[in-house]
Amino acid sequence: MTDSQTNRIYVQRSISDKFIQALVEGARQLKVGNGLDEDVEIGPLINEEVLNRVPEHIEQAKNLGVKVLCGGKRLENGPGCFLEPTILTDVLAEALGVRA
């Protein structure tokens, strides 16, 4: 979907709750913006088409039982193709985003 992203992280069940909590907290603190700015950690999606498609994939995944722990929405604070950093759990192979 984008030029650089982490698609999957497999975590041992015995540590998954703590890991997921830390991952969500970290994702919520990431600074989103112009990827050329030194203090920005997450840049834009590649184009408007992808920006429109990702939330559709997330909605489809939610219908399959995927949980959205944070993010998944377009950021409207200015021009550009920005999406909140997003963490999903319980993702099935049938979800559109998994096929990418």
Foldseek 3Di string as FASTA:
>chain_A
DAPDDDLDDDDDPVCVVVVVVVVLVVLQPAAEDDPVDPRHDHYAGPDPVVLVVQLVLVVVQVVVVKDKPDWSAFDPPDDGHGTRDTDIPPGDCPRPSNVD
